[in-house]
Amino acid sequence: MKLDINQVKIFVTIPTKNLTEVREAICQTNAGVIGNYTHCTYSVNGVGTFKPNSSANPHIGSANKLEFVEEAKLEIICNVEDVKQLLVVLREVHPYEEPAIDIVPLISESNFN
């Protein structure tokens, strides 16, 4: 079976207070489209941890101190050809110096007979 990868799912963690702003910005890049629906995302709340080193410029916290932050994990589908633009916008609007971003290829149902 040959698999055609046309879409990815992007996961990113965001401080909960910035979720709406980030979601709206990345949905403007043509991400989050499923059929006749736009702005299709999913988010779940949790606690993120990080410890900035002495070279970091953290948005939250201070160097060499472990931080616990209320965050949302946002998931969104994106066409492969739009990923670079989404990442540019995401990094512009995301408050973190180094946002945690995962990109996972998606297999379309049409690949299965």
PDB file of N, CA and C in Angstrom:
ATOM      1  N   MET A   1       0.854  -1.181   0.000  1.00  0.00           N
ATOM      2  CA  MET A   1       0.000   0.000   0.000  1.00  0.00           C
ATOM      3  C   MET A   1       0.897   1.240   0.000  1.00  0.00           C
ATOM      4  N   LYS A   2       0.614   2.162  -0.910  1.00  0.00           N
ATOM      5  CA  LYS A   2       1.311   3.443  -0.944  1.00  0.00           C
ATOM      6  C   LYS A   2       0.458   4.468  -0.206  1.00  0.00           C
ATOM      7  N   LEU A   3       1.062   5.153   0.757  1.00  0.00           N
ATOM      8  CA  LEU A   3       0.327   6.129   1.543  1.00  0.00           C
ATOM      9  C   LEU A   3       0.630   7.538   1.055  1.00  0.00           C
ATOM     10  N   ASP A   4      -0.419   8.293   0.800  1.00  0.00           N
ATOM     11  CA  ASP A   4      -0.274   9.696   0.437  1.00  0.00           C
ATOM     12  C   ASP A   4      -0.565  10.533   1.683  1.00  0.00           C
ATOM     13  N   ILE A   5       0.408  11.328   2.085  1.00  0.00           N
ATOM     14  CA  ILE A   5       0.246  12.194   3.251  1.00  0.00           C
ATOM     15  C   ILE A   5      -0.022  13.612   2.745  1.00  0.00           C
ATOM     16  N   ASN A   6      -1.255  14.059   2.903  1.00  0.00           N
ATOM     17  CA  ASN A   6      -1.648  15.393   2.459  1.00  0.00           C
ATOM     18  C   ASN A   6      -1.923  16.336   3.621  1.00  0.00           C
ATOM     19  N   GLN A   7      -2.105  15.759   4.799  1.00  0.00           N
ATOM     20  CA  GLN A   7      -2.414  16.567   5.980  1.00  0.00           C
ATOM     21  C   GLN A   7      -1.576  16.112   7.163  1.00  0.00           C
ATOM     22  N   VAL A   8      -1.402  17.029   8.103  1.00  0.00           N
ATOM     23  CA  VAL A   8      -0.751  16.727   9.371  1.00  0.00           C
ATOM     24  C   VAL A   8      -1.656  17.227  10.484  1.00  0.00           C
ATOM     25  N   LYS A   9      -1.399  16.737  11.679  1.00  0.00           N
ATOM     26  CA  LYS A   9      -2.030  17.300  12.863  1.00  0.00           C
ATOM     27  C   LYS A   9      -0.924  17.953  13.669  1.00  0.00           C
ATOM     28  N   ILE A  10      -1.160  19.194  14.047  1.00  0.00           N
ATOM     29  CA  ILE A  10      -0.188  19.953  14.816  1.00  0.00           C
ATOM     30  C   ILE A  10      -0.709  20.083  16.245  1.00  0.00           C
ATOM     31  N   PHE A  11       0.171  19.776  17.189  1.00  0.00           N
ATOM     32  CA  PHE A  11      -0.124  19.884  18.617  1.00  0.00           C
ATOM     33  C   PHE A  11       0.799  20.953  19.183  1.00  0.00           C
ATOM     34  N   VAL A  12       0.251  21.840  19.995  1.00  0.00           N
ATOM     35  CA  VAL A  12       1.066  22.869  20.639  1.00  0.00           C
ATOM     36  C   VAL A  12       0.489  23.164  22.018  1.00  0.00           C
ATOM     37  N   THR A  13       1.368  23.380  22.988  1.00  0.00           N
ATOM     38  CA  THR A  13       0.900  23.761  24.315  1.00  0.00           C
ATOM     39  C   THR A  13       1.036  25.267  24.470  1.00  0.00           C
ATOM     40  N   ILE A  14       0.034  25.864  25.131  1.00  0.00           N
ATOM     41  CA  ILE A  14      -0.093  27.314  25.216  1.00  0.00           C
ATOM     42  C   ILE A  14      -0.595  27.657  26.620  1.00  0.00           C
ATOM     43  N   PRO A  15      -0.089  28.728  27.232  1.00  0.00           N
ATOM     44  CA  PRO A  15      -0.723  29.161  28.488  1.00  0.00           C
ATOM     45  C   PRO A  15      -2.225  29.389  28.228  1.00  0.00           C
ATOM     46  N   THR A  16      -3.060  28.925  29.135  1.00  0.00           N
ATOM     47  CA  THR A  16      -4.507  28.994  28.895  1.00  0.00           C
ATOM     48  C   THR A  16      -4.996  30.410  28.603  1.00  0.00           C
ATOM     49  N   LYS A  17      -4.355  31.412  29.196  1.00  0.00           N
ATOM     50  CA  LYS A  17      -4.801  32.789  28.959  1.00  0.00           C
ATOM     51  C   LYS A  17      -4.519  33.255  27.530  1.00  0.00           C
ATOM     52  N   ASN A  18      -3.665  32.549  26.781  1.00  0.00           N
ATOM     53  CA  ASN A  18      -3.329  32.914  25.401  1.00  0.00           C
ATOM     54  C   ASN A  18      -3.993  32.015  24.364  1.00  0.00           C
ATOM     55  N   LEU A  19      -4.788  31.053  24.796  1.00  0.00           N
ATOM     56  CA  LEU A  19      -5.355  30.056  23.890  1.00  0.00           C
ATOM     57  C   LEU A  19      -6.201  30.673  22.782  1.00  0.00           C
ATOM     58  N   THR A  20      -7.127  31.541  23.115  1.00  0.00           N
ATOM     59  CA  THR A  20      -8.029  32.111  22.114  1.00  0.00           C
ATOM     60  C   THR A  20      -7.261  32.872  21.045  1.00  0.00           C
ATOM     61  N   GLU A  21      -6.300  33.670  21.451  1.00  0.00           N
ATOM     62  CA  GLU A  21      -5.500  34.455  20.504  1.00  0.00           C
ATOM     63  C   GLU A  21      -4.714  33.555  19.550  1.00  0.00           C
ATOM     64  N   VAL A  22      -4.073  32.525  20.076  1.00  0.00           N
ATOM     65  CA  VAL A  22      -3.283  31.616  19.245  1.00  0.00           C
ATOM     66  C   VAL A  22      -4.196  30.829  18.311  1.00  0.00           C
ATOM     67  N   ARG A  23      -5.305  30.318  18.832  1.00  0.00           N
ATOM     68  CA  ARG A  23      -6.250  29.549  18.014  1.00  0.00           C
ATOM     69  C   ARG A  23      -6.735  30.386  16.829  1.00  0.00           C
ATOM     70  N   GLU A  24      -7.162  31.607  17.093  1.00  0.00           N
ATOM     71  CA  GLU A  24      -7.689  32.461  16.030  1.00  0.00           C
ATOM     72  C   GLU A  24      -6.608  32.744  14.979  1.00  0.00           C
ATOM     73  N   ALA A  25      -5.404  33.014  15.417  1.00  0.00           N
ATOM     74  CA  ALA A  25      -4.325  33.337  14.477  1.00  0.00           C
ATOM     75  C   ALA A  25      -3.999  32.163  13.558  1.00  0.00           C
ATOM     76  N   ILE A  26      -3.894  30.963  14.118  1.00  0.00           N
ATOM     77  CA  ILE A  26      -3.526  29.837  13.253  1.00  0.00           C
ATOM     78  C   ILE A  26      -4.685  29.377  12.383  1.00  0.00           C
ATOM     79  N   CYS A  27      -5.912  29.615  12.816  1.00  0.00           N
ATOM     80  CA  CYS A  27      -7.055  29.281  11.958  1.00  0.00           C
ATOM     81  C   CYS A  27      -7.123  30.201  10.736  1.00  0.00           C
ATOM     82  N   GLN A  28      -6.492  31.347  10.794  1.00  0.00           N
ATOM     83  CA  GLN A  28      -6.457  32.266   9.649  1.00  0.00           C
ATOM     84  C   GLN A  28      -5.481  31.793   8.574  1.00  0.00           C
ATOM     85  N   THR A  29      -4.722  30.726   8.831  1.00  0.00           N
ATOM     86  CA  THR A  29      -3.750  30.208   7.858  1.00  0.00           C
ATOM     87  C   THR A  29      -4.321  29.047   7.048  1.00  0.00           C
ATOM     88  N   ASN A  30      -5.614  28.877   7.030  1.00  0.00           N
ATOM     89  CA  ASN A  30      -6.318  27.781   6.343  1.00  0.00           C
ATOM     90  C   ASN A  30      -6.210  26.455   7.088  1.00  0.00           C
ATOM     91  N   ALA A  31      -5.708  26.463   8.302  1.00  0.00           N
ATOM     92  CA  ALA A  31      -5.691  25.247   9.110  1.00  0.00           C
ATOM     93  C   ALA A  31      -7.049  25.088   9.780  1.00  0.00           C
ATOM     94  N   GLY A  32      -7.328  23.888  10.237  1.00  0.00           N
ATOM     95  CA  GLY A  32      -8.567  23.646  10.961  1.00  0.00           C
ATOM     96  C   GLY A  32      -9.786  23.502  10.070  1.00  0.00           C
ATOM     97  N   VAL A  33      -9.579  23.109   8.820  1.00  0.00           N
ATOM     98  CA  VAL A  33     -10.706  22.914   7.895  1.00  0.00           C
ATOM     99  C   VAL A  33     -10.977  21.418   7.776  1.00  0.00           C
ATOM    100  N   ILE A  34     -12.209  21.041   8.086  1.00  0.00           N
ATOM    101  CA  ILE A  34     -12.659  19.657   7.907  1.00  0.00           C
ATOM    102  C   ILE A  34     -13.966  19.727   7.129  1.00  0.00           C
ATOM    103  N   GLY A  35     -13.925  19.321   5.871  1.00  0.00           N
ATOM    104  CA  GLY A  35     -15.121  19.377   5.024  1.00  0.00           C
ATOM    105  C   GLY A  35     -15.627  20.796   4.899  1.00  0.00           C
ATOM    106  N   ASN A  36     -16.884  21.009   5.262  1.00  0.00           N
ATOM    107  CA  ASN A  36     -17.516  22.322   5.173  1.00  0.00           C
ATOM    108  C   ASN A  36     -17.380  23.137   6.455  1.00  0.00           C
ATOM    109  N   TYR A  37     -16.470  22.750   7.332  1.00  0.00           N
ATOM    110  CA  TYR A  37     -16.306  23.428   8.616  1.00  0.00           C
ATOM    111  C   TYR A  37     -14.916  24.049   8.715  1.00  0.00           C
ATOM    112  N   THR A  38     -14.842  25.237   9.300  1.00  0.00           N
ATOM    113  CA  THR A  38     -13.561  25.890   9.558  1.00  0.00           C
ATOM    114  C   THR A  38     -13.374  26.030  11.072  1.00  0.00           C
ATOM    115  N   HIS A  39     -12.198  26.438  11.485  1.00  0.00           N
ATOM    116  CA  HIS A  39     -11.870  26.645  12.899  1.00  0.00           C
ATOM    117  C   HIS A  39     -12.051  25.370  13.729  1.00  0.00           C
ATOM    118  N   CYS A  40     -11.814  24.213  13.116  1.00  0.00           N
ATOM    119  CA  CYS A  40     -11.940  22.938  13.821  1.00  0.00           C
ATOM    120  C   CYS A  40     -10.655  22.693  14.618  1.00  0.00           C
ATOM    121  N   THR A  41     -10.760  22.752  15.924  1.00  0.00           N
ATOM    122  CA  THR A  41      -9.631  22.497  16.816  1.00  0.00           C
ATOM    123  C   THR A  41     -10.119  21.694  18.003  1.00  0.00           C
ATOM    124  N   TYR A  42      -9.175  21.215  18.766  1.00  0.00           N
ATOM    125  CA  TYR A  42      -9.505  20.546  20.014  1.00  0.00           C
ATOM    126  C   TYR A  42      -8.471  20.983  21.037  1.00  0.00           C
ATOM    127  N   SER A  43      -8.923  21.247  22.250  1.00  0.00           N
ATOM    128  CA  SER A  43      -7.974  21.616  23.300  1.00  0.00           C
ATOM    129  C   SER A  43      -8.352  20.935  24.600  1.00  0.00           C
ATOM    130  N   VAL A  44      -7.344  20.686  25.397  1.00  0.00           N
ATOM    131  CA  VAL A  44      -7.524  20.088  26.710  1.00  0.00           C
ATOM    132  C   VAL A  44      -6.547  20.781  27.662  1.00  0.00           C
ATOM    133  N   ASN A  45      -6.983  21.018  28.875  1.00  0.00           N
ATOM    134  CA  ASN A  45      -6.154  21.726  29.853  1.00  0.00           C
ATOM    135  C   ASN A  45      -5.306  20.768  30.677  1.00  0.00           C
ATOM    136  N   GLY A  46      -4.154  21.261  31.088  1.00  0.00           N
ATOM    137  CA  GLY A  46      -3.242  20.488  31.909  1.00  0.00           C
ATOM    138  C   GLY A  46      -2.222  21.412  32.546  1.00  0.00           C
ATOM    139  N   VAL A  47      -1.206  20.821  33.125  1.00  0.00           N
ATOM    140  CA  VAL A  47      -0.138  21.595  33.752  1.00  0.00           C
ATOM    141  C   VAL A  47       1.167  21.274  33.035  1.00  0.00           C
ATOM    142  N   GLY A  48       1.800  22.311  32.494  1.00  0.00           N
ATOM    143  CA  GLY A  48       3.101  22.163  31.854  1.00  0.00           C
ATOM    144  C   GLY A  48       4.192  22.547  32.829  1.00  0.00           C
ATOM    145  N   THR A  49       5.351  21.910  32.690  1.00  0.00           N
ATOM    146  CA  THR A  49       6.498  22.259  33.527  1.00  0.00           C
ATOM    147  C   THR A  49       7.688  22.576  32.645  1.00  0.00           C
ATOM    148  N   PHE A  50       8.523  23.455  33.131  1.00  0.00           N
ATOM    149  CA  PHE A  50       9.778  23.778  32.455  1.00  0.00           C
ATOM    150  C   PHE A  50      10.689  24.505  33.429  1.00  0.00           C
ATOM    151  N   LYS A  51      11.983  24.431  33.127  1.00  0.00           N
ATOM    152  CA  LYS A  51      12.988  25.105  33.948  1.00  0.00           C
ATOM    153  C   LYS A  51      13.945  25.829  32.997  1.00  0.00           C
ATOM    154  N   PRO A  52      13.790  27.146  32.854  1.00  0.00           N
ATOM    155  CA  PRO A  52      14.665  27.896  31.957  1.00  0.00           C
ATOM    156  C   PRO A  52      16.111  27.877  32.461  1.00  0.00           C
ATOM    157  N   ASN A  53      17.063  27.731  31.535  1.00  0.00           N
ATOM    158  CA  ASN A  53      18.457  27.822  31.967  1.00  0.00           C
ATOM    159  C   ASN A  53      18.885  29.287  32.011  1.00  0.00           C
ATOM    160  N   SER A  54      20.116  29.539  32.349  1.00  0.00           N
ATOM    161  CA  SER A  54      20.571  30.914  32.540  1.00  0.00           C
ATOM    162  C   SER A  54      20.653  31.709  31.242  1.00  0.00           C
ATOM    163  N   SER A  55      20.597  31.045  30.080  1.00  0.00           N
ATOM    164  CA  SER A  55      20.618  31.743  28.787  1.00  0.00           C
ATOM    165  C   SER A  55      19.220  32.035  28.263  1.00  0.00           C
ATOM    166  N   ALA A  56      18.192  31.517  28.909  1.00  0.00           N
ATOM    167  CA  ALA A  56      16.815  31.674  28.438  1.00  0.00           C
ATOM    168  C   ALA A  56      16.269  33.065  28.753  1.00  0.00           C
ATOM    169  N   ASN A  57      15.242  33.434  27.989  1.00  0.00           N
ATOM    170  CA  ASN A  57      14.508  34.677  28.217  1.00  0.00           C
ATOM    171  C   ASN A  57      13.030  34.302  28.365  1.00  0.00           C
ATOM    172  N   PRO A  58      12.654  33.709  29.490  1.00  0.00           N
ATOM    173  CA  PRO A  58      11.305  33.145  29.612  1.00  0.00           C
ATOM    174  C   PRO A  58      10.201  34.201  29.698  1.00  0.00           C
ATOM    175  N   HIS A  59       9.075  33.887  29.070  1.00  0.00           N
ATOM    176  CA  HIS A  59       7.860  34.710  29.156  1.00  0.00           C
ATOM    177  C   HIS A  59       7.260  34.602  30.558  1.00  0.00           C
ATOM    178  N   ILE A  60       7.358  33.411  31.129  1.00  0.00           N
ATOM    179  CA  ILE A  60       6.854  33.126  32.470  1.00  0.00           C
ATOM    180  C   ILE A  60       8.007  32.534  33.268  1.00  0.00           C
ATOM    181  N   GLY A  61       8.161  32.953  34.499  1.00  0.00           N
ATOM    182  CA  GLY A  61       9.160  32.368  35.378  1.00  0.00           C
ATOM    183  C   GLY A  61      10.512  33.042  35.294  1.00  0.00           C
ATOM    184  N   SER A  62      11.498  32.373  35.879  1.00  0.00           N
ATOM    185  CA  SER A  62      12.855  32.919  35.910  1.00  0.00           C
ATOM    186  C   SER A  62      13.863  31.789  35.759  1.00  0.00           C
ATOM    187  N   ALA A  63      15.081  32.165  35.416  1.00  0.00           N
ATOM    188  CA  ALA A  63      16.142  31.197  35.163  1.00  0.00           C
ATOM    189  C   ALA A  63      16.371  30.282  36.360  1.00  0.00           C
ATOM    190  N   ASN A  64      16.610  29.018  36.030  1.00  0.00           N
ATOM    191  CA  ASN A  64      16.986  27.989  37.003  1.00  0.00           C
ATOM    192  C   ASN A  64      15.933  27.712  38.066  1.00  0.00           C
ATOM    193  N   LYS A  65      14.680  28.040  37.776  1.00  0.00           N
ATOM    194  CA  LYS A  65      13.576  27.753  38.703  1.00  0.00           C
ATOM    195  C   LYS A  65      12.502  26.951  37.961  1.00  0.00           C
ATOM    196  N   LEU A  66      12.146  25.796  38.510  1.00  0.00           N
ATOM    197  CA  LEU A  66      11.117  24.959  37.897  1.00  0.00           C
ATOM    198  C   LEU A  66       9.771  25.661  37.977  1.00  0.00           C
ATOM    199  N   GLU A  67       9.089  25.761  36.837  1.00  0.00           N
ATOM    200  CA  GLU A  67       7.790  26.427  36.750  1.00  0.00           C
ATOM    201  C   GLU A  67       6.690  25.415  36.462  1.00  0.00           C
ATOM    202  N   PHE A  68       5.513  25.663  37.007  1.00  0.00           N
ATOM    203  CA  PHE A  68       4.308  24.882  36.757  1.00  0.00           C
ATOM    204  C   PHE A  68       3.283  25.862  36.212  1.00  0.00           C
ATOM    205  N   VAL A  69       2.803  25.625  34.982  1.00  0.00           N
ATOM    206  CA  VAL A  69       1.932  26.588  34.305  1.00  0.00           C
ATOM    207  C   VAL A  69       0.669  25.902  33.810  1.00  0.00           C
ATOM    208  N   GLU A  70      -0.487  26.521  34.082  1.00  0.00           N
ATOM    209  CA  GLU A  70      -1.756  26.047  33.521  1.00  0.00           C
ATOM    210  C   GLU A  70      -1.707  26.284  32.015  1.00  0.00           C
ATOM    211  N   GLU A  71      -1.755  25.193  31.259  1.00  0.00           N
ATOM    212  CA  GLU A  71      -1.656  25.279  29.808  1.00  0.00           C
ATOM    213  C   GLU A  71      -2.794  24.511  29.149  1.00  0.00           C
ATOM    214  N   ALA A  72      -3.004  24.833  27.886  1.00  0.00           N
ATOM    215  CA  ALA A  72      -3.909  24.073  27.040  1.00  0.00           C
ATOM    216  C   ALA A  72      -3.074  23.427  25.945  1.00  0.00           C
ATOM    217  N   LYS A  73      -3.425  22.203  25.601  1.00  0.00           N
ATOM    218  CA  LYS A  73      -2.818  21.539  24.451  1.00  0.00           C
ATOM    219  C   LYS A  73      -3.810  21.683  23.313  1.00  0.00           C
ATOM    220  N   LEU A  74      -3.402  22.367  22.267  1.00  0.00           N
ATOM    221  CA  LEU A  74      -4.265  22.638  21.117  1.00  0.00           C
ATOM    222  C   LEU A  74      -3.886  21.717  19.977  1.00  0.00           C
ATOM    223  N   GLU A  75      -4.903  21.100  19.346  1.00  0.00           N
ATOM    224  CA  GLU A  75      -4.699  20.239  18.184  1.00  0.00           C
ATOM    225  C   GLU A  75      -5.416  20.858  17.000  1.00  0.00           C
ATOM    226  N   ILE A  76      -4.768  20.804  15.827  1.00  0.00           N
ATOM    227  CA  ILE A  76      -5.387  21.342  14.621  1.00  0.00           C
ATOM    228  C   ILE A  76      -4.857  20.599  13.404  1.00  0.00           C
ATOM    229  N   ILE A  77      -5.739  20.349  12.443  1.00  0.00           N
ATOM    230  CA  ILE A  77      -5.363  19.714  11.186  1.00  0.00           C
ATOM    231  C   ILE A  77      -4.907  20.794  10.218  1.00  0.00           C
ATOM    232  N   CYS A  78      -3.888  20.443   9.418  1.00  0.00           N
ATOM    233  CA  CYS A  78      -3.346  21.408   8.466  1.00  0.00           C
ATOM    234  C   CYS A  78      -2.909  20.668   7.199  1.00  0.00           C
ATOM    235  N   ASN A  79      -3.190  21.252   6.043  1.00  0.00           N
ATOM    236  CA  ASN A  79      -2.686  20.699   4.790  1.00  0.00           C
ATOM    237  C   ASN A  79      -1.170  20.859   4.756  1.00  0.00           C
ATOM    238  N   VAL A  80      -0.482  19.877   4.192  1.00  0.00           N
ATOM    239  CA  VAL A  80       0.978  19.878   4.163  1.00  0.00           C
ATOM    240  C   VAL A  80       1.522  21.170   3.559  1.00  0.00           C
ATOM    241  N   GLU A  81       0.897  21.650   2.494  1.00  0.00           N
ATOM    242  CA  GLU A  81       1.407  22.855   1.827  1.00  0.00           C
ATOM    243  C   GLU A  81       1.237  24.127   2.664  1.00  0.00           C
ATOM    244  N   ASP A  82       0.447  24.081   3.735  1.00  0.00           N
ATOM    245  CA  ASP A  82       0.218  25.253   4.582  1.00  0.00           C
ATOM    246  C   ASP A  82       0.989  25.214   5.907  1.00  0.00           C
ATOM    247  N   VAL A  83       1.745  24.143   6.147  1.00  0.00           N
ATOM    248  CA  VAL A  83       2.410  23.972   7.440  1.00  0.00           C
ATOM    249  C   VAL A  83       3.413  25.086   7.724  1.00  0.00           C
ATOM    250  N   LYS A  84       4.260  25.417   6.760  1.00  0.00           N
ATOM    251  CA  LYS A  84       5.288  26.443   7.003  1.00  0.00           C
ATOM    252  C   LYS A  84       4.654  27.768   7.412  1.00  0.00           C
ATOM    253  N   GLN A  85       3.582  28.186   6.715  1.00  0.00           N
ATOM    254  CA  GLN A  85       2.919  29.451   7.052  1.00  0.00           C
ATOM    255  C   GLN A  85       2.294  29.380   8.445  1.00  0.00           C
ATOM    256  N   LEU A  86       1.676  28.244   8.775  1.00  0.00           N
ATOM    257  CA  LEU A  86       1.103  28.088  10.108  1.00  0.00           C
ATOM    258  C   LEU A  86       2.194  28.231  11.169  1.00  0.00           C
ATOM    259  N   LEU A  87       3.348  27.609  10.957  1.00  0.00           N
ATOM    260  CA  LEU A  87       4.426  27.670  11.942  1.00  0.00           C
ATOM    261  C   LEU A  87       4.961  29.093  12.105  1.00  0.00           C
ATOM    262  N   VAL A  88       5.040  29.842  11.011  1.00  0.00           N
ATOM    263  CA  VAL A  88       5.481  31.241  11.094  1.00  0.00           C
ATOM    264  C   VAL A  88       4.509  32.042  11.963  1.00  0.00           C
ATOM    265  N   VAL A  89       3.213  31.904  11.677  1.00  0.00           N
ATOM    266  CA  VAL A  89       2.189  32.632  12.439  1.00  0.00           C
ATOM    267  C   VAL A  89       2.174  32.172  13.891  1.00  0.00           C
ATOM    268  N   LEU A  90       2.250  30.874  14.103  1.00  0.00           N
ATOM    269  CA  LEU A  90       2.234  30.327  15.459  1.00  0.00           C
ATOM    270  C   LEU A  90       3.380  30.897  16.294  1.00  0.00           C
ATOM    271  N   ARG A  91       4.565  30.918  15.736  1.00  0.00           N
ATOM    272  CA  ARG A  91       5.715  31.443  16.480  1.00  0.00           C
ATOM    273  C   ARG A  91       5.612  32.954  16.718  1.00  0.00           C
ATOM    274  N   GLU A  92       4.957  33.672  15.805  1.00  0.00           N
ATOM    275  CA  GLU A  92       4.766  35.122  15.994  1.00  0.00           C
ATOM    276  C   GLU A  92       3.817  35.416  17.146  1.00  0.00           C
ATOM    277  N   VAL A  93       2.754  34.636  17.276  1.00  0.00           N
ATOM    278  CA  VAL A  93       1.704  34.936  18.256  1.00  0.00           C
ATOM    279  C   VAL A  93       1.897  34.198  19.586  1.00  0.00           C
ATOM    280  N   HIS A  94       2.625  33.097  19.581  1.00  0.00           N
ATOM    281  CA  HIS A  94       2.824  32.303  20.799  1.00  0.00           C
ATOM    282  C   HIS A  94       3.712  33.075  21.773  1.00  0.00           C
ATOM    283  N   PRO A  95       3.344  33.120  23.061  1.00  0.00           N
ATOM    284  CA  PRO A  95       4.131  33.910  24.009  1.00  0.00           C
ATOM    285  C   PRO A  95       5.467  33.280  24.416  1.00  0.00           C
ATOM    286  N   TYR A  96       5.624  31.973  24.237  1.00  0.00           N
ATOM    287  CA  TYR A  96       6.844  31.313  24.698  1.00  0.00           C
ATOM    288  C   TYR A  96       8.010  31.529  23.736  1.00  0.00           C
ATOM    289  N   GLU A  97       9.190  31.615  24.308  1.00  0.00           N
ATOM    290  CA  GLU A  97      10.427  31.710  23.532  1.00  0.00           C
ATOM    291  C   GLU A  97      10.633  30.441  22.698  1.00  0.00           C
ATOM    292  N   GLU A  98      10.318  29.287  23.271  1.00  0.00           N
ATOM    293  CA  GLU A  98      10.481  27.991  22.610  1.00  0.00           C
ATOM    294  C   GLU A  98       9.200  27.169  22.764  1.00  0.00           C
ATOM    295  N   PRO A  99       8.181  27.424  21.941  1.00  0.00           N
ATOM    296  CA  PRO A  99       6.945  26.640  22.091  1.00  0.00           C
ATOM    297  C   PRO A  99       7.173  25.163  21.745  1.00  0.00           C
ATOM    298  N   ALA A 100       6.492  24.291  22.466  1.00  0.00           N
ATOM    299  CA  ALA A 100       6.546  22.854  22.188  1.00  0.00           C
ATOM    300  C   ALA A 100       5.542  22.548  21.077  1.00  0.00           C
ATOM    301  N   ILE A 101       6.048  22.134  19.920  1.00  0.00           N
ATOM    302  CA  ILE A 101       5.211  21.882  18.744  1.00  0.00           C
ATOM    303  C   ILE A 101       5.490  20.471  18.252  1.00  0.00           C
ATOM    304  N   ASP A 102       4.431  19.678  18.063  1.00  0.00           N
ATOM    305  CA  ASP A 102       4.545  18.341  17.475  1.00  0.00           C
ATOM    306  C   ASP A 102       3.777  18.342  16.164  1.00  0.00           C
ATOM    307  N   ILE A 103       4.357  17.700  15.146  1.00  0.00           N
ATOM    308  CA  ILE A 103       3.707  17.579  13.840  1.00  0.00           C
ATOM    309  C   ILE A 103       3.623  16.097  13.508  1.00  0.00           C
ATOM    310  N   VAL A 104       2.390  15.615  13.307  1.00  0.00           N
ATOM    311  CA  VAL A 104       2.154  14.198  13.080  1.00  0.00           C
ATOM    312  C   VAL A 104       1.476  14.022  11.720  1.00  0.00           C
ATOM    313  N   PRO A 105       2.034  13.188  10.822  1.00  0.00           N
ATOM    314  CA  PRO A 105       1.386  12.962   9.535  1.00  0.00           C
ATOM    315  C   PRO A 105       0.071  12.203   9.713  1.00  0.00           C
ATOM    316  N   LEU A 106      -0.905  12.531   8.894  1.00  0.00           N
ATOM    317  CA  LEU A 106      -2.207  11.883   8.948  1.00  0.00           C
ATOM    318  C   LEU A 106      -2.413  11.018   7.695  1.00  0.00           C
ATOM    319  N   ILE A 107      -3.015   9.878   7.899  1.00  0.00           N
ATOM    320  CA  ILE A 107      -3.330   8.974   6.801  1.00  0.00           C
ATOM    321  C   ILE A 107      -4.817   9.117   6.501  1.00  0.00           C
ATOM    322  N   SER A 108      -5.135   9.463   5.273  1.00  0.00           N
ATOM    323  CA  SER A 108      -6.527   9.644   4.857  1.00  0.00           C
ATOM    324  C   SER A 108      -7.249   8.303   4.784  1.00  0.00           C
ATOM    325  N   GLU A 109      -8.544   8.328   5.039  1.00  0.00           N
ATOM    326  CA  GLU A 109      -9.357   7.116   4.911  1.00  0.00           C
ATOM    327  C   GLU A 109      -9.290   6.546   3.508  1.00  0.00           C
ATOM    328  N   SER A 110      -9.031   7.388   2.510  1.00  0.00           N
ATOM    329  CA  SER A 110      -8.984   6.927   1.119  1.00  0.00           C
ATOM    330  C   SER A 110      -7.801   5.982   0.869  1.00  0.00           C
ATOM    331  N   ASN A 111      -6.842   5.915   1.781  1.00  0.00           N
ATOM    332  CA  ASN A 111      -5.713   4.987   1.638  1.00  0.00           C
ATOM    333  C   ASN A 111      -6.102   3.546   1.976  1.00  0.00           C
ATOM    334  N   PHE A 112      -7.261   3.351   2.555  1.00  0.00           N
ATOM    335  CA  PHE A 112      -7.705   2.031   2.964  1.00  0.00           C
ATOM    336  C   PHE A 112      -8.832   1.551   2.039  1.00  0.00           C
ATOM    337  N   ASN A 113      -8.673   0.359   1.562  1.00  0.00           N
ATOM    338  CA  ASN A 113      -9.702  -0.189   0.648  1.00  0.00           C
ATOM    339  C   ASN A 113     -10.712  -1.009   1.395  1.00  0.00           C
TER     340      ASN A 113
END
